[in-house]
């Protein structure tokens, strides 16, 4: 499921907490925990978020080349 989460965040439009929760069948707080714990702290990934009109807060993985 962590790979699916990374895939969703890497996609062009990113993903909202609700979209992640629906796709992974997780509660919203579990998604938030995975973002901050597994992805940011353990894997050291750069997760960003921004408010998007009509969607709410969208999370993305920043790609550094």
C-alpha atoms as a PDB file:
ATOM      1  CA  UNK A   1       0.000   0.000   0.000  1.00  0.00           C
ATOM      2  CA  UNK A   2       2.924   2.320   0.605  1.00  0.00           C
ATOM      3  CA  UNK A   3       3.939   1.865  -3.046  1.00  0.00           C
ATOM      4  CA  UNK A   4       0.382   2.743  -4.138  1.00  0.00           C
ATOM      5  CA  UNK A   5       0.479   5.846  -1.950  1.00  0.00           C
ATOM      6  CA  UNK A   6       3.798   6.941  -3.485  1.00  0.00           C
ATOM      7  CA  UNK A   7       2.368   6.289  -6.951  1.00  0.00           C
ATOM      8  CA  UNK A   8      -0.683   8.473  -6.205  1.00  0.00           C
ATOM      9  CA  UNK A   9       1.456  11.312  -4.856  1.00  0.00           C
ATOM     10  CA  UNK A  10       3.784  11.110  -7.843  1.00  0.00           C
ATOM     11  CA  UNK A  11       0.932  11.427 -10.345  1.00  0.00           C
ATOM     12  CA  UNK A  12       0.456  14.684 -12.219  1.00  0.00           C
ATOM     13  CA  UNK A  13      -2.341  16.051 -10.006  1.00  0.00           C
ATOM     14  CA  UNK A  14      -1.202  14.643  -6.678  1.00  0.00           C
ATOM     15  CA  UNK A  15      -3.850  13.330  -4.264  1.00  0.00           C
ATOM     16  CA  UNK A  16      -6.096  14.565  -1.472  1.00  0.00           C
ATOM     17  CA  UNK A  17      -6.467  12.792   1.858  1.00  0.00           C
ATOM     18  CA  UNK A  18      -9.976  11.658   0.824  1.00  0.00           C
ATOM     19  CA  UNK A  19      -8.685  10.239  -2.472  1.00  0.00           C
ATOM     20  CA  UNK A  20      -5.896   8.383  -0.669  1.00  0.00           C
ATOM     21  CA  UNK A  21      -8.298   7.055   1.963  1.00  0.00           C
ATOM     22  CA  UNK A  22     -10.734   5.778  -0.693  1.00  0.00           C
ATOM     23  CA  UNK A  23      -8.050   4.156  -2.861  1.00  0.00           C
ATOM     24  CA  UNK A  24      -6.214   2.486   0.040  1.00  0.00           C
ATOM     25  CA  UNK A  25      -9.283   1.789   2.193  1.00  0.00           C
ATOM     26  CA  UNK A  26      -7.645   3.636   5.073  1.00  0.00           C
ATOM     27  CA  UNK A  27      -9.061   6.165   7.516  1.00  0.00           C
ATOM     28  CA  UNK A  28      -7.983   9.770   6.813  1.00  0.00           C
ATOM     29  CA  UNK A  29      -5.805   9.900   9.942  1.00  0.00           C
ATOM     30  CA  UNK A  30      -3.962   6.774   8.760  1.00  0.00           C
ATOM     31  CA  UNK A  31      -3.141   8.510   5.471  1.00  0.00           C
ATOM     32  CA  UNK A  32      -1.819  11.558   7.320  1.00  0.00           C
ATOM     33  CA  UNK A  33       0.272   9.323   9.555  1.00  0.00           C
ATOM     34  CA  UNK A  34       1.740   7.503   6.564  1.00  0.00           C
ATOM     35  CA  UNK A  35       2.607  10.826   4.908  1.00  0.00           C
ATOM     36  CA  UNK A  36       4.466  12.226   7.899  1.00  0.00           C
ATOM     37  CA  UNK A  37       5.840   9.004   9.360  1.00  0.00           C
ATOM     38  CA  UNK A  38       6.625   6.525   6.604  1.00  0.00           C
ATOM     39  CA  UNK A  39       7.253   8.871   3.706  1.00  0.00           C
ATOM     40  CA  UNK A  40       8.776  11.971   5.297  1.00  0.00           C
ATOM     41  CA  UNK A  41      10.615  10.571   8.307  1.00  0.00           C
ATOM     42  CA  UNK A  42      11.499   6.998   7.343  1.00  0.00           C
ATOM     43  CA  UNK A  43      12.042   7.371   3.592  1.00  0.00           C
ATOM     44  CA  UNK A  44      13.091  11.026   3.616  1.00  0.00           C
ATOM     45  CA  UNK A  45      10.738  11.952   0.763  1.00  0.00           C
ATOM     46  CA  UNK A  46       9.759  15.567   0.132  1.00  0.00           C
ATOM     47  CA  UNK A  47       5.963  15.664   0.469  1.00  0.00           C
ATOM     48  CA  UNK A  48       4.388  19.038  -0.253  1.00  0.00           C
ATOM     49  CA  UNK A  49       0.797  20.224  -0.063  1.00  0.00           C
ATOM     50  CA  UNK A  50      -1.226  23.105  -1.394  1.00  0.00           C
ATOM     51  CA  UNK A  51      -4.821  24.244  -1.336  1.00  0.00           C
ATOM     52  CA  UNK A  52      -6.483  23.666  -4.697  1.00  0.00           C
ATOM     53  CA  UNK A  53      -9.838  25.200  -5.607  1.00  0.00           C
ATOM     54  CA  UNK A  54     -12.597  22.557  -5.847  1.00  0.00           C
ATOM     55  CA  UNK A  55     -10.380  19.809  -4.364  1.00  0.00           C
ATOM     56  CA  UNK A  56      -9.074  21.081  -1.039  1.00  0.00           C
ATOM     57  CA  UNK A  57      -5.568  20.252   0.169  1.00  0.00           C
ATOM     58  CA  UNK A  58      -3.602  18.262  -2.404  1.00  0.00           C
ATOM     59  CA  UNK A  59      -0.415  16.407  -1.490  1.00  0.00           C
ATOM     60  CA  UNK A  60       2.408  15.707  -3.922  1.00  0.00           C
ATOM     61  CA  UNK A  61       5.863  14.178  -3.961  1.00  0.00           C
ATOM     62  CA  UNK A  62       8.465  16.622  -5.167  1.00  0.00           C
ATOM     63  CA  UNK A  63      10.886  15.133  -7.667  1.00  0.00           C
ATOM     64  CA  UNK A  64      14.456  16.331  -7.521  1.00  0.00           C
ATOM     65  CA  UNK A  65      16.596  15.581 -10.556  1.00  0.00           C
END
